[in-house]
Amino acid sequence: MSTTAENGDGGPTITVTEDAAEQALSLLESEDLDTDIAGLRLFVQQGGCAGLSYGMRFDDEPEEDDTVFEHHGLRVFVDPASMRYIEGSELDYESGLQAEGFHVENPNVEAECGCGESFRT
């Protein structure tokens, strides 16, 4: 059974900015996914020169052992293995002249590779 995390419940947290939620919800809707059930999966995988990298995808529903965070109408699914690396992170959406996309601000990062695509905790 997945767990829904509430702000202030003392458990691990992932926050989402309003801009990130708006972008993700727009993409979910364009994929014809039910935003009341479906959500954005945020996970950590091995990769990159620093050892770990972030991954994101849309899932129809959370897995049994996921923690589910809800911000600005967006559901975010995080598996237990990823949670230990990204607990306390904030998901944002940035757009500028050089790049546009989702960005994870992770307080657990000790080092990043030169390009910023991978990290170490």
PDB file of N, CA and C in Angstrom:
ATOM      1  N   MET A   1       0.836  -1.182   0.000  1.00  0.00           N
ATOM      2  CA  MET A   1       0.000   0.000   0.000  1.00  0.00           C
ATOM      3  C   MET A   1       0.876   1.239   0.000  1.00  0.00           C
ATOM      4  N   SER A   2       0.631   2.159  -0.926  1.00  0.00           N
ATOM      5  CA  SER A   2       1.416   3.380  -0.981  1.00  0.00           C
ATOM      6  C   SER A   2       1.040   4.281   0.189  1.00  0.00           C
ATOM      7  N   THR A   3       1.952   5.181   0.539  1.00  0.00           N
ATOM      8  CA  THR A   3       1.752   6.098   1.645  1.00  0.00           C
ATOM      9  C   THR A   3       1.639   7.506   1.101  1.00  0.00           C
ATOM     10  N   THR A   4       0.635   8.243   1.541  1.00  0.00           N
ATOM     11  CA  THR A   4       0.515   9.642   1.158  1.00  0.00           C
ATOM     12  C   THR A   4       1.127  10.478   2.259  1.00  0.00           C
ATOM     13  N   ALA A   5       2.125  11.282   1.892  1.00  0.00           N
ATOM     14  CA  ALA A   5       2.813  12.119   2.867  1.00  0.00           C
ATOM     15  C   ALA A   5       2.128  13.475   2.944  1.00  0.00           C
ATOM     16  N   GLU A   6       1.915  13.938   4.134  1.00  0.00           N
ATOM     17  CA  GLU A   6       1.328  15.251   4.357  1.00  0.00           C
ATOM     18  C   GLU A   6       2.419  16.189   4.851  1.00  0.00           C
ATOM     19  N   ASN A   7       2.353  17.453   4.449  1.00  0.00           N
ATOM     20  CA  ASN A   7       3.309  18.435   4.949  1.00  0.00           C
ATOM     21  C   ASN A   7       3.188  18.524   6.465  1.00  0.00           C
ATOM     22  N   GLY A   8       4.312  18.526   7.148  1.00  0.00           N
ATOM     23  CA  GLY A   8       4.318  18.679   8.585  1.00  0.00           C
ATOM     24  C   GLY A   8       4.068  17.404   9.366  1.00  0.00           C
ATOM     25  N   ASP A   9       4.021  16.249   8.699  1.00  0.00           N
ATOM     26  CA  ASP A   9       3.771  15.007   9.432  1.00  0.00           C
ATOM     27  C   ASP A   9       5.043  14.407  10.015  1.00  0.00           C
ATOM     28  N   GLY A  10       6.181  15.074   9.821  1.00  0.00           N
ATOM     29  CA  GLY A  10       7.432  14.610  10.390  1.00  0.00           C
ATOM     30  C   GLY A  10       8.174  13.604   9.542  1.00  0.00           C
ATOM     31  N   GLY A  11       7.571  13.143   8.472  1.00  0.00           N
ATOM     32  CA  GLY A  11       8.207  12.171   7.591  1.00  0.00           C
ATOM     33  C   GLY A  11       9.037  12.852   6.521  1.00  0.00           C
ATOM     34  N   PRO A  12       9.606  12.068   5.623  1.00  0.00           N
ATOM     35  CA  PRO A  12      10.401  12.627   4.535  1.00  0.00           C
ATOM     36  C   PRO A  12       9.537  13.511   3.641  1.00  0.00           C
ATOM     37  N   THR A  13      10.165  14.503   3.056  1.00  0.00           N
ATOM     38  CA  THR A  13       9.410  15.430   2.222  1.00  0.00           C
ATOM     39  C   THR A  13      10.056  15.638   0.862  1.00  0.00           C
ATOM     40  N   ILE A  14       9.216  15.841  -0.108  1.00  0.00           N
ATOM     41  CA  ILE A  14       9.592  16.319  -1.432  1.00  0.00           C
ATOM     42  C   ILE A  14       8.618  17.454  -1.708  1.00  0.00           C
ATOM     43  N   THR A  15       9.106  18.612  -2.099  1.00  0.00           N
ATOM     44  CA  THR A  15       8.208  19.710  -2.422  1.00  0.00           C
ATOM     45  C   THR A  15       8.269  19.995  -3.915  1.00  0.00           C
ATOM     46  N   VAL A  16       7.230  20.624  -4.404  1.00  0.00           N
ATOM     47  CA  VAL A  16       7.107  20.939  -5.823  1.00  0.00           C
ATOM     48  C   VAL A  16       6.674  22.389  -5.936  1.00  0.00           C
ATOM     49  N   THR A  17       7.376  23.169  -6.750  1.00  0.00           N
ATOM     50  CA  THR A  17       6.967  24.552  -6.956  1.00  0.00           C
ATOM     51  C   THR A  17       5.708  24.591  -7.810  1.00  0.00           C
ATOM     52  N   GLU A  18       5.033  25.717  -7.755  1.00  0.00           N
ATOM     53  CA  GLU A  18       3.817  25.872  -8.554  1.00  0.00           C
ATOM     54  C   GLU A  18       4.121  25.766 -10.047  1.00  0.00           C
ATOM     55  N   ASP A  19       5.249  26.347 -10.498  1.00  0.00           N
ATOM     56  CA  ASP A  19       5.628  26.261 -11.916  1.00  0.00           C
ATOM     57  C   ASP A  19       5.839  24.813 -12.350  1.00  0.00           C
ATOM     58  N   ALA A  20       6.530  24.037 -11.522  1.00  0.00           N
ATOM     59  CA  ALA A  20       6.780  22.631 -11.861  1.00  0.00           C
ATOM     60  C   ALA A  20       5.476  21.849 -11.911  1.00  0.00           C
ATOM     61  N   ALA A  21       4.597  22.099 -10.959  1.00  0.00           N
ATOM     62  CA  ALA A  21       3.316  21.396 -10.937  1.00  0.00           C
ATOM     63  C   ALA A  21       2.492  21.731 -12.173  1.00  0.00           C
ATOM     64  N   GLU A  22       2.444  23.004 -12.541  1.00  0.00           N
ATOM     65  CA  GLU A  22       1.677  23.413 -13.724  1.00  0.00           C
ATOM     66  C   GLU A  22       2.198  22.731 -14.982  1.00  0.00           C
ATOM     67  N   GLN A  23       3.514  22.698 -15.151  1.00  0.00           N
ATOM     68  CA  GLN A  23       4.104  22.072 -16.336  1.00  0.00           C
ATOM     69  C   GLN A  23       3.822  20.572 -16.358  1.00  0.00           C
ATOM     70  N   ALA A  24       4.022  19.912 -15.224  1.00  0.00           N
ATOM     71  CA  ALA A  24       3.811  18.463 -15.161  1.00  0.00           C
ATOM     72  C   ALA A  24       2.342  18.113 -15.381  1.00  0.00           C
ATOM     73  N   LEU A  25       1.431  18.874 -14.782  1.00  0.00           N
ATOM     74  CA  LEU A  25       0.004  18.609 -14.971  1.00  0.00           C
ATOM     75  C   LEU A  25      -0.406  18.801 -16.422  1.00  0.00           C
ATOM     76  N   SER A  26       0.147  19.813 -17.064  1.00  0.00           N
ATOM     77  CA  SER A  26      -0.145  20.042 -18.482  1.00  0.00           C
ATOM     78  C   SER A  26       0.316  18.856 -19.325  1.00  0.00           C
ATOM     79  N   LEU A  27       1.502  18.339 -19.021  1.00  0.00           N
ATOM     80  CA  LEU A  27       2.026  17.182 -19.752  1.00  0.00           C
ATOM     81  C   LEU A  27       1.206  15.921 -19.463  1.00  0.00           C
ATOM     82  N   LEU A  28       0.828  15.728 -18.208  1.00  0.00           N
ATOM     83  CA  LEU A  28      -0.015  14.578 -17.850  1.00  0.00           C
ATOM     84  C   LEU A  28      -1.334  14.613 -18.623  1.00  0.00           C
ATOM     85  N   GLU A  29      -1.946  15.780 -18.668  1.00  0.00           N
ATOM     86  CA  GLU A  29      -3.220  15.923 -19.369  1.00  0.00           C
ATOM     87  C   GLU A  29      -3.059  15.696 -20.865  1.00  0.00           C
ATOM     88  N   SER A  30      -1.929  16.132 -21.428  1.00  0.00           N
ATOM     89  CA  SER A  30      -1.695  15.921 -22.863  1.00  0.00           C
ATOM     90  C   SER A  30      -1.514  14.435 -23.189  1.00  0.00           C
ATOM     91  N   GLU A  31      -1.159  13.640 -22.182  1.00  0.00           N
ATOM     92  CA  GLU A  31      -1.027  12.189 -22.343  1.00  0.00           C
ATOM     93  C   GLU A  31      -2.338  11.469 -22.003  1.00  0.00           C
ATOM     94  N   ASP A  32      -3.393  12.239 -21.760  1.00  0.00           N
ATOM     95  CA  ASP A  32      -4.711  11.698 -21.398  1.00  0.00           C
ATOM     96  C   ASP A  32      -4.672  10.841 -20.137  1.00  0.00           C
ATOM     97  N   LEU A  33      -3.860  11.246 -19.166  1.00  0.00           N
ATOM     98  CA  LEU A  33      -3.788  10.540 -17.886  1.00  0.00           C
ATOM     99  C   LEU A  33      -4.673  11.249 -16.862  1.00  0.00           C
ATOM    100  N   ASP A  34      -5.312  10.491 -16.006  1.00  0.00           N
ATOM    101  CA  ASP A  34      -6.187  11.020 -14.968  1.00  0.00           C
ATOM    102  C   ASP A  34      -5.326  11.598 -13.849  1.00  0.00           C
ATOM    103  N   THR A  35      -5.318  12.919 -13.709  1.00  0.00           N
ATOM    104  CA  THR A  35      -4.439  13.570 -12.733  1.00  0.00           C
ATOM    105  C   THR A  35      -4.870  13.329 -11.287  1.00  0.00           C
ATOM    106  N   ASP A  36      -6.051  12.747 -11.081  1.00  0.00           N
ATOM    107  CA  ASP A  36      -6.462  12.385  -9.722  1.00  0.00           C
ATOM    108  C   ASP A  36      -5.790  11.095  -9.259  1.00  0.00           C
ATOM    109  N   ILE A  37      -5.313  10.296 -10.206  1.00  0.00           N
ATOM    110  CA  ILE A  37      -4.688   9.009  -9.890  1.00  0.00           C
ATOM    111  C   ILE A  37      -3.233   8.971 -10.360  1.00  0.00           C
ATOM    112  N   ALA A  38      -3.003   9.375 -11.591  1.00  0.00           N
ATOM    113  CA  ALA A  38      -1.659   9.342 -12.188  1.00  0.00           C
ATOM    114  C   ALA A  38      -0.779  10.420 -11.565  1.00  0.00           C
ATOM    115  N   GLY A  39       0.518  10.295 -11.796  1.00  0.00           N
ATOM    116  CA  GLY A  39       1.434  11.285 -11.255  1.00  0.00           C
ATOM    117  C   GLY A  39       2.802  11.204 -11.885  1.00  0.00           C
ATOM    118  N   LEU A  40       3.669  12.046 -11.388  1.00  0.00           N
ATOM    119  CA  LEU A  40       5.056  12.115 -11.835  1.00  0.00           C
ATOM    120  C   LEU A  40       5.902  11.266 -10.901  1.00  0.00           C
ATOM    121  N   ARG A  41       6.619  10.295 -11.451  1.00  0.00           N
ATOM    122  CA  ARG A  41       7.545   9.487 -10.662  1.00  0.00           C
ATOM    123  C   ARG A  41       8.907  10.169 -10.695  1.00  0.00           C
ATOM    124  N   LEU A  42       9.447  10.465  -9.517  1.00  0.00           N
ATOM    125  CA  LEU A  42      10.785  11.030  -9.368  1.00  0.00           C
ATOM    126  C   LEU A  42      11.646   9.948  -8.743  1.00  0.00           C
ATOM    127  N   PHE A  43      12.752   9.610  -9.416  1.00  0.00           N
ATOM    128  CA  PHE A  43      13.588   8.522  -8.911  1.00  0.00           C
ATOM    129  C   PHE A  43      15.063   8.821  -9.138  1.00  0.00           C
ATOM    130  N   VAL A  44      15.891   8.029  -8.479  1.00  0.00           N
ATOM    131  CA  VAL A  44      17.343   8.126  -8.605  1.00  0.00           C
ATOM    132  C   VAL A  44      17.836   6.818  -9.199  1.00  0.00           C
ATOM    133  N   GLN A  45      18.761   6.936 -10.141  1.00  0.00           N
ATOM    134  CA  GLN A  45      19.344   5.754 -10.780  1.00  0.00           C
ATOM    135  C   GLN A  45      20.853   5.927 -10.857  1.00  0.00           C
ATOM    136  N   GLN A  46      21.549   4.827 -11.025  1.00  0.00           N
ATOM    137  CA  GLN A  46      22.992   4.914 -11.208  1.00  0.00           C
ATOM    138  C   GLN A  46      23.271   5.455 -12.595  1.00  0.00           C
ATOM    139  N   GLY A  47      24.234   6.364 -12.652  1.00  0.00           N
ATOM    140  CA  GLY A  47      24.588   6.912 -13.952  1.00  0.00           C
ATOM    141  C   GLY A  47      25.342   8.214 -13.816  1.00  0.00           C
ATOM    142  N   GLY A  48      25.977   8.599 -14.896  1.00  0.00           N
ATOM    143  CA  GLY A  48      26.738   9.837 -14.915  1.00  0.00           C
ATOM    144  C   GLY A  48      28.085   9.679 -14.253  1.00  0.00           C
ATOM    145  N   CYS A  49      28.914  10.675 -14.425  1.00  0.00           N
ATOM    146  CA  CYS A  49      30.282  10.585 -13.912  1.00  0.00           C
ATOM    147  C   CYS A  49      30.366  10.739 -12.395  1.00  0.00           C
ATOM    148  N   ALA A  50      29.331  11.283 -11.746  1.00  0.00           N
ATOM    149  CA  ALA A  50      29.355  11.412 -10.290  1.00  0.00           C
ATOM    150  C   ALA A  50      28.686  10.226  -9.592  1.00  0.00           C
ATOM    151  N   GLY A  51      28.038   9.354 -10.353  1.00  0.00           N
ATOM    152  CA  GLY A  51      27.507   8.122  -9.774  1.00  0.00           C
ATOM    153  C   GLY A  51      26.003   7.972  -9.758  1.00  0.00           C
ATOM    154  N   LEU A  52      25.241   9.056  -9.557  1.00  0.00           N
ATOM    155  CA  LEU A  52      23.787   8.980  -9.485  1.00  0.00           C
ATOM    156  C   LEU A  52      23.169  10.055 -10.371  1.00  0.00           C
ATOM    157  N   SER A  53      21.999   9.766 -10.904  1.00  0.00           N
ATOM    158  CA  SER A  53      21.285  10.775 -11.692  1.00  0.00           C
ATOM    159  C   SER A  53      19.791  10.659 -11.412  1.00  0.00           C
ATOM    160  N   TYR A  54      19.077  11.728 -11.710  1.00  0.00           N
ATOM    161  CA  TYR A  54      17.636  11.757 -11.506  1.00  0.00           C
ATOM    162  C   TYR A  54      16.929  11.205 -12.724  1.00  0.00           C
ATOM    163  N   GLY A  55      15.792  10.615 -12.488  1.00  0.00           N
ATOM    164  CA  GLY A  55      14.914  10.183 -13.562  1.00  0.00           C
ATOM    165  C   GLY A  55      13.499  10.618 -13.244  1.00  0.00           C
ATOM    166  N   MET A  56      12.721  10.856 -14.284  1.00  0.00           N
ATOM    167  CA  MET A  56      11.313  11.224 -14.129  1.00  0.00           C
ATOM    168  C   MET A  56      10.520  10.564 -15.232  1.00  0.00           C
ATOM    169  N   ARG A  57       9.318  10.142 -14.885  1.00  0.00           N
ATOM    170  CA  ARG A  57       8.390   9.610 -15.881  1.00  0.00           C
ATOM    171  C   ARG A  57       6.982   9.713 -15.302  1.00  0.00           C
ATOM    172  N   PHE A  58       6.005   9.587 -16.163  1.00  0.00           N
ATOM    173  CA  PHE A  58       4.621   9.580 -15.712  1.00  0.00           C
ATOM    174  C   PHE A  58       4.176   8.145 -15.485  1.00  0.00           C
ATOM    175  N   ASP A  59       3.479   7.922 -14.377  1.00  0.00           N
ATOM    176  CA  ASP A  59       2.923   6.609 -14.057  1.00  0.00           C
ATOM    177  C   ASP A  59       1.417   6.735 -13.867  1.00  0.00           C
ATOM    178  N   ASP A  60       0.699   5.689 -14.267  1.00  0.00           N
ATOM    179  CA  ASP A  60      -0.761   5.664 -14.136  1.00  0.00           C
ATOM    180  C   ASP A  60      -1.219   5.709 -12.683  1.00  0.00           C
ATOM    181  N   GLU A  61      -0.413   5.112 -11.805  1.00  0.00           N
ATOM    182  CA  GLU A  61      -0.749   5.065 -10.383  1.00  0.00           C
ATOM    183  C   GLU A  61       0.512   4.730  -9.597  1.00  0.00           C
ATOM    184  N   PRO A  62       0.518   4.991  -8.279  1.00  0.00           N
ATOM    185  CA  PRO A  62       1.707   4.673  -7.486  1.00  0.00           C
ATOM    186  C   PRO A  62       1.871   3.169  -7.306  1.00  0.00           C
ATOM    187  N   GLU A  63       3.114   2.761  -7.077  1.00  0.00           N
ATOM    188  CA  GLU A  63       3.406   1.375  -6.705  1.00  0.00           C
ATOM    189  C   GLU A  63       3.036   1.189  -5.233  1.00  0.00           C
ATOM    190  N   GLU A  64       2.945  -0.057  -4.827  1.00  0.00           N
ATOM    191  CA  GLU A  64       2.496  -0.374  -3.473  1.00  0.00           C
ATOM    192  C   GLU A  64       3.361   0.256  -2.377  1.00  0.00           C
ATOM    193  N   ASP A  65       4.688   0.316  -2.589  1.00  0.00           N
ATOM    194  CA  ASP A  65       5.578   0.815  -1.541  1.00  0.00           C
ATOM    195  C   ASP A  65       6.018   2.264  -1.747  1.00  0.00           C
ATOM    196  N   ASP A  66       5.413   2.976  -2.683  1.00  0.00           N
ATOM    197  CA  ASP A  66       5.752   4.381  -2.933  1.00  0.00           C
ATOM    198  C   ASP A  66       5.249   5.286  -1.813  1.00  0.00           C
ATOM    199  N   THR A  67       5.936   6.405  -1.655  1.00  0.00           N
ATOM    200  CA  THR A  67       5.390   7.523  -0.899  1.00  0.00           C
ATOM    201  C   THR A  67       4.842   8.496  -1.931  1.00  0.00           C
ATOM    202  N   VAL A  68       3.649   9.005  -1.694  1.00  0.00           N
ATOM    203  CA  VAL A  68       2.994   9.917  -2.623  1.00  0.00           C
ATOM    204  C   VAL A  68       2.939  11.302  -1.991  1.00  0.00           C
ATOM    205  N   PHE A  69       3.476  12.283  -2.701  1.00  0.00           N
ATOM    206  CA  PHE A  69       3.430  13.675  -2.273  1.00  0.00           C
ATOM    207  C   PHE A  69       2.473  14.412  -3.196  1.00  0.00           C
ATOM    208  N   GLU A  70       1.685  15.308  -2.646  1.00  0.00           N
ATOM    209  CA  GLU A  70       0.751  16.084  -3.458  1.00  0.00           C
ATOM    210  C   GLU A  70       0.998  17.566  -3.234  1.00  0.00           C
ATOM    211  N   HIS A  71       1.273  18.276  -4.334  1.00  0.00           N
ATOM    212  CA  HIS A  71       1.506  19.721  -4.286  1.00  0.00           C
ATOM    213  C   HIS A  71       0.857  20.370  -5.495  1.00  0.00           C
ATOM    214  N   HIS A  72       0.060  21.392  -5.253  1.00  0.00           N
ATOM    215  CA  HIS A  72      -0.564  22.173  -6.332  1.00  0.00           C
ATOM    216  C   HIS A  72      -1.316  21.277  -7.312  1.00  0.00           C
ATOM    217  N   GLY A  73      -1.925  20.203  -6.815  1.00  0.00           N
ATOM    218  CA  GLY A  73      -2.697  19.299  -7.658  1.00  0.00           C
ATOM    219  C   GLY A  73      -1.896  18.208  -8.337  1.00  0.00           C
ATOM    220  N   LEU A  74      -0.568  18.220  -8.174  1.00  0.00           N
ATOM    221  CA  LEU A  74       0.295  17.204  -8.783  1.00  0.00           C
ATOM    222  C   LEU A  74       0.641  16.131  -7.761  1.00  0.00           C
ATOM    223  N   ARG A  75       0.504  14.882  -8.171  1.00  0.00           N
ATOM    224  CA  ARG A  75       0.928  13.750  -7.346  1.00  0.00           C
ATOM    225  C   ARG A  75       2.337  13.344  -7.781  1.00  0.00           C
ATOM    226  N   VAL A  76       3.243  13.203  -6.811  1.00  0.00           N
ATOM    227  CA  VAL A  76       4.625  12.794  -7.073  1.00  0.00           C
ATOM    228  C   VAL A  76       4.860  11.479  -6.346  1.00  0.00           C
ATOM    229  N   PHE A  77       5.335  10.466  -7.091  1.00  0.00           N
ATOM    230  CA  PHE A  77       5.578   9.136  -6.549  1.00  0.00           C
ATOM    231  C   PHE A  77       7.081   8.934  -6.364  1.00  0.00           C
ATOM    232  N   VAL A  78       7.478   8.480  -5.172  1.00  0.00           N
ATOM    233  CA  VAL A  78       8.892   8.218  -4.883  1.00  0.00           C
ATOM    234  C   VAL A  78       9.006   6.844  -4.234  1.00  0.00           C
ATOM    235  N   ASP A  79       9.870   5.992  -4.800  1.00  0.00           N
ATOM    236  CA  ASP A  79      10.086   4.661  -4.240  1.00  0.00           C
ATOM    237  C   ASP A  79      11.033   4.747  -3.038  1.00  0.00           C
ATOM    238  N   PRO A  80      11.008   3.752  -2.153  1.00  0.00           N
ATOM    239  CA  PRO A  80      11.831   3.796  -0.939  1.00  0.00           C
ATOM    240  C   PRO A  80      13.333   3.916  -1.202  1.00  0.00           C
ATOM    241  N   ALA A  81      13.846   3.243  -2.221  1.00  0.00           N
ATOM    242  CA  ALA A  81      15.288   3.304  -2.498  1.00  0.00           C
ATOM    243  C   ALA A  81      15.710   4.707  -2.926  1.00  0.00           C
ATOM    244  N   SER A  82      14.885   5.379  -3.701  1.00  0.00           N
ATOM    245  CA  SER A  82      15.207   6.739  -4.146  1.00  0.00           C
ATOM    246  C   SER A  82      15.060   7.753  -3.019  1.00  0.00           C
ATOM    247  N   MET A  83      14.109   7.509  -2.127  1.00  0.00           N
ATOM    248  CA  MET A  83      13.819   8.474  -1.063  1.00  0.00           C
ATOM    249  C   MET A  83      15.056   8.800  -0.237  1.00  0.00           C
ATOM    250  N   ARG A  84      15.881   7.819   0.024  1.00  0.00           N
ATOM    251  CA  ARG A  84      17.059   8.082   0.873  1.00  0.00           C
ATOM    252  C   ARG A  84      18.033   9.059   0.230  1.00  0.00           C
ATOM    253  N   TYR A  85      17.992   9.197  -1.093  1.00  0.00           N
ATOM    254  CA  TYR A  85      18.883  10.126  -1.790  1.00  0.00           C
ATOM    255  C   TYR A  85      18.248  11.498  -2.022  1.00  0.00           C
ATOM    256  N   ILE A  86      16.925  11.556  -2.104  1.00  0.00           N
ATOM    257  CA  ILE A  86      16.287  12.820  -2.496  1.00  0.00           C
ATOM    258  C   ILE A  86      15.359  13.409  -1.437  1.00  0.00           C
ATOM    259  N   GLU A  87      15.341  12.826  -0.261  1.00  0.00           N
ATOM    260  CA  GLU A  87      14.526  13.368   0.828  1.00  0.00           C
ATOM    261  C   GLU A  87      14.869  14.840   1.053  1.00  0.00           C
ATOM    262  N   GLY A  88      13.859  15.674   1.158  1.00  0.00           N
ATOM    263  CA  GLY A  88      14.067  17.104   1.392  1.00  0.00           C
ATOM    264  C   GLY A  88      14.262  17.920   0.132  1.00  0.00           C
ATOM    265  N   SER A  89      14.195  17.294  -1.032  1.00  0.00           N
ATOM    266  CA  SER A  89      14.422  17.990  -2.303  1.00  0.00           C
ATOM    267  C   SER A  89      13.208  18.800  -2.737  1.00  0.00           C
ATOM    268  N   GLU A  90      13.477  19.755  -3.626  1.00  0.00           N
ATOM    269  CA  GLU A  90      12.424  20.550  -4.240  1.00  0.00           C
ATOM    270  C   GLU A  90      12.506  20.381  -5.747  1.00  0.00           C
ATOM    271  N   LEU A  91      11.371  20.094  -6.364  1.00  0.00           N
ATOM    272  CA  LEU A  91      11.276  19.988  -7.817  1.00  0.00           C
ATOM    273  C   LEU A  91      10.775  21.321  -8.353  1.00  0.00           C
ATOM    274  N   ASP A  92      11.523  21.893  -9.282  1.00  0.00           N
ATOM    275  CA  ASP A  92      11.173  23.184  -9.869  1.00  0.00           C
ATOM    276  C   ASP A  92      11.180  23.055 -11.383  1.00  0.00           C
ATOM    277  N   TYR A  93      10.616  24.037 -12.043  1.00  0.00           N
ATOM    278  CA  TYR A  93      10.663  24.106 -13.503  1.00  0.00           C
ATOM    279  C   TYR A  93      11.306  25.430 -13.854  1.00  0.00           C
ATOM    280  N   GLU A  94      12.355  25.362 -14.661  1.00  0.00           N
ATOM    281  CA  GLU A  94      13.095  26.560 -15.037  1.00  0.00           C
ATOM    282  C   GLU A  94      13.044  26.746 -16.539  1.00  0.00           C
ATOM    283  N   SER A  95      12.908  27.982 -16.961  1.00  0.00           N
ATOM    284  CA  SER A  95      12.994  28.280 -18.387  1.00  0.00           C
ATOM    285  C   SER A  95      13.841  29.531 -18.555  1.00  0.00           C
ATOM    286  N   GLY A  96      14.736  29.461 -19.514  1.00  0.00           N
ATOM    287  CA  GLY A  96      15.631  30.577 -19.762  1.00  0.00           C
ATOM    288  C   GLY A  96      16.175  30.507 -21.171  1.00  0.00           C
ATOM    289  N   LEU A  97      17.121  31.352 -21.456  1.00  0.00           N
ATOM    290  CA  LEU A  97      17.710  31.400 -22.790  1.00  0.00           C
ATOM    291  C   LEU A  97      18.502  30.143 -23.119  1.00  0.00           C
ATOM    292  N   GLN A  98      19.158  29.561 -22.130  1.00  0.00           N
ATOM    293  CA  GLN A  98      20.029  28.412 -22.360  1.00  0.00           C
ATOM    294  C   GLN A  98      19.307  27.070 -22.296  1.00  0.00           C
ATOM    295  N   ALA A  99      18.319  26.975 -21.404  1.00  0.00           N
ATOM    296  CA  ALA A  99      17.672  25.674 -21.212  1.00  0.00           C
ATOM    297  C   ALA A  99      16.295  25.847 -20.595  1.00  0.00           C
ATOM    298  N   GLU A 100      15.506  24.798 -20.731  1.00  0.00           N
ATOM    299  CA  GLU A 100      14.177  24.768 -20.132  1.00  0.00           C
ATOM    300  C   GLU A 100      13.908  23.346 -19.668  1.00  0.00           C
ATOM    301  N   GLY A 101      13.393  23.206 -18.450  1.00  0.00           N
ATOM    302  CA  GLY A 101      13.071  21.874 -17.975  1.00  0.00           C
ATOM    303  C   GLY A 101      12.960  21.804 -16.466  1.00  0.00           C
ATOM    304  N   PHE A 102      12.722  20.588 -16.001  1.00  0.00           N
ATOM    305  CA  PHE A 102      12.592  20.343 -14.571  1.00  0.00           C
ATOM    306  C   PHE A 102      13.974  20.303 -13.928  1.00  0.00           C
ATOM    307  N   HIS A 103      14.045  20.778 -12.691  1.00  0.00           N
ATOM    308  CA  HIS A 103      15.305  20.821 -11.945  1.00  0.00           C
ATOM    309  C   HIS A 103      15.030  20.375 -10.510  1.00  0.00           C
ATOM    310  N   VAL A 104      15.899  19.508  -9.998  1.00  0.00           N
ATOM    311  CA  VAL A 104      15.786  19.044  -8.615  1.00  0.00           C
ATOM    312  C   VAL A 104      16.833  19.771  -7.782  1.00  0.00           C
ATOM    313  N   GLU A 105      16.377  20.483  -6.765  1.00  0.00           N
ATOM    314  CA  GLU A 105      17.272  21.122  -5.798  1.00  0.00           C
ATOM    315  C   GLU A 105      17.344  20.184  -4.601  1.00  0.00           C
ATOM    316  N   ASN A 106      18.498  19.519  -4.454  1.00  0.00           N
ATOM    317  CA  ASN A 106      18.648  18.445  -3.480  1.00  0.00           C
ATOM    318  C   ASN A 106      19.644  18.847  -2.391  1.00  0.00           C
ATOM    319  N   PRO A 107      19.193  18.979  -1.140  1.00  0.00           N
ATOM    320  CA  PRO A 107      20.094  19.378  -0.058  1.00  0.00           C
ATOM    321  C   PRO A 107      21.087  18.287   0.340  1.00  0.00           C
ATOM    322  N   ASN A 108      20.906  17.071  -0.153  1.00  0.00           N
ATOM    323  CA  ASN A 108      21.776  15.949   0.208  1.00  0.00           C
ATOM    324  C   ASN A 108      22.996  15.813  -0.689  1.00  0.00           C
ATOM    325  N   VAL A 109      23.055  16.587  -1.759  1.00  0.00           N
ATOM    326  CA  VAL A 109      24.144  16.468  -2.726  1.00  0.00           C
ATOM    327  C   VAL A 109      25.445  16.989  -2.124  1.00  0.00           C
ATOM    328  N   GLU A 110      26.477  16.155  -2.198  1.00  0.00           N
ATOM    329  CA  GLU A 110      27.811  16.551  -1.742  1.00  0.00           C
ATOM    330  C   GLU A 110      28.674  17.014  -2.899  1.00  0.00           C
ATOM    331  N   ALA A 111      28.447  16.443  -4.084  1.00  0.00           N
ATOM    332  CA  ALA A 111      29.235  16.815  -5.263  1.00  0.00           C
ATOM    333  C   ALA A 111      28.418  16.538  -6.517  1.00  0.00           C
ATOM    334  N   GLU A 112      28.629  17.370  -7.538  1.00  0.00           N
ATOM    335  CA  GLU A 112      28.000  17.172  -8.844  1.00  0.00           C
ATOM    336  C   GLU A 112      29.090  17.089  -9.891  1.00  0.00           C
ATOM    337  N   CYS A 113      28.765  16.427 -10.994  1.00  0.00           N
ATOM    338  CA  CYS A 113      29.723  16.409 -12.092  1.00  0.00           C
ATOM    339  C   CYS A 113      29.742  17.797 -12.741  1.00  0.00           C
ATOM    340  N   GLY A 114      30.690  18.042 -13.603  1.00  0.00           N
ATOM    341  CA  GLY A 114      30.850  19.349 -14.226  1.00  0.00           C
ATOM    342  C   GLY A 114      29.642  19.823 -15.000  1.00  0.00           C
ATOM    343  N   CYS A 115      28.933  18.914 -15.640  1.00  0.00           N
ATOM    344  CA  CYS A 115      27.771  19.305 -16.442  1.00  0.00           C
ATOM    345  C   CYS A 115      26.498  19.382 -15.606  1.00  0.00           C
ATOM    346  N   GLY A 116      26.540  18.915 -14.361  1.00  0.00           N
ATOM    347  CA  GLY A 116      25.378  18.982 -13.489  1.00  0.00           C
ATOM    348  C   GLY A 116      24.345  17.898 -13.712  1.00  0.00           C
ATOM    349  N   GLU A 117      24.665  16.903 -14.525  1.00  0.00           N
ATOM    350  CA  GLU A 117      23.702  15.840 -14.828  1.00  0.00           C
ATOM    351  C   GLU A 117      23.703  14.707 -13.808  1.00  0.00           C
ATOM    352  N   SER A 118      24.735  14.605 -13.005  1.00  0.00           N
ATOM    353  CA  SER A 118      24.772  13.542 -12.004  1.00  0.00           C
ATOM    354  C   SER A 118      25.333  14.096 -10.698  1.00  0.00           C
ATOM    355  N   PHE A 119      25.175  13.310  -9.636  1.00  0.00           N
ATOM    356  CA  PHE A 119      25.546  13.795  -8.312  1.00  0.00           C
ATOM    357  C   PHE A 119      25.992  12.650  -7.416  1.00  0.00           C
ATOM    358  N   ARG A 120      26.527  13.043  -6.253  1.00  0.00           N
ATOM    359  CA  ARG A 120      26.926  12.090  -5.220  1.00  0.00           C
ATOM    360  C   ARG A 120      26.418  12.633  -3.887  1.00  0.00           C
ATOM    361  N   THR A 121      25.931  11.726  -3.039  1.00  0.00           N
ATOM    362  CA  THR A 121      25.470  12.157  -1.710  1.00  0.00           C
ATOM    363  C   THR A 121      26.416  11.652  -0.649  1.00  0.00           C
TER     364      THR A 121
END
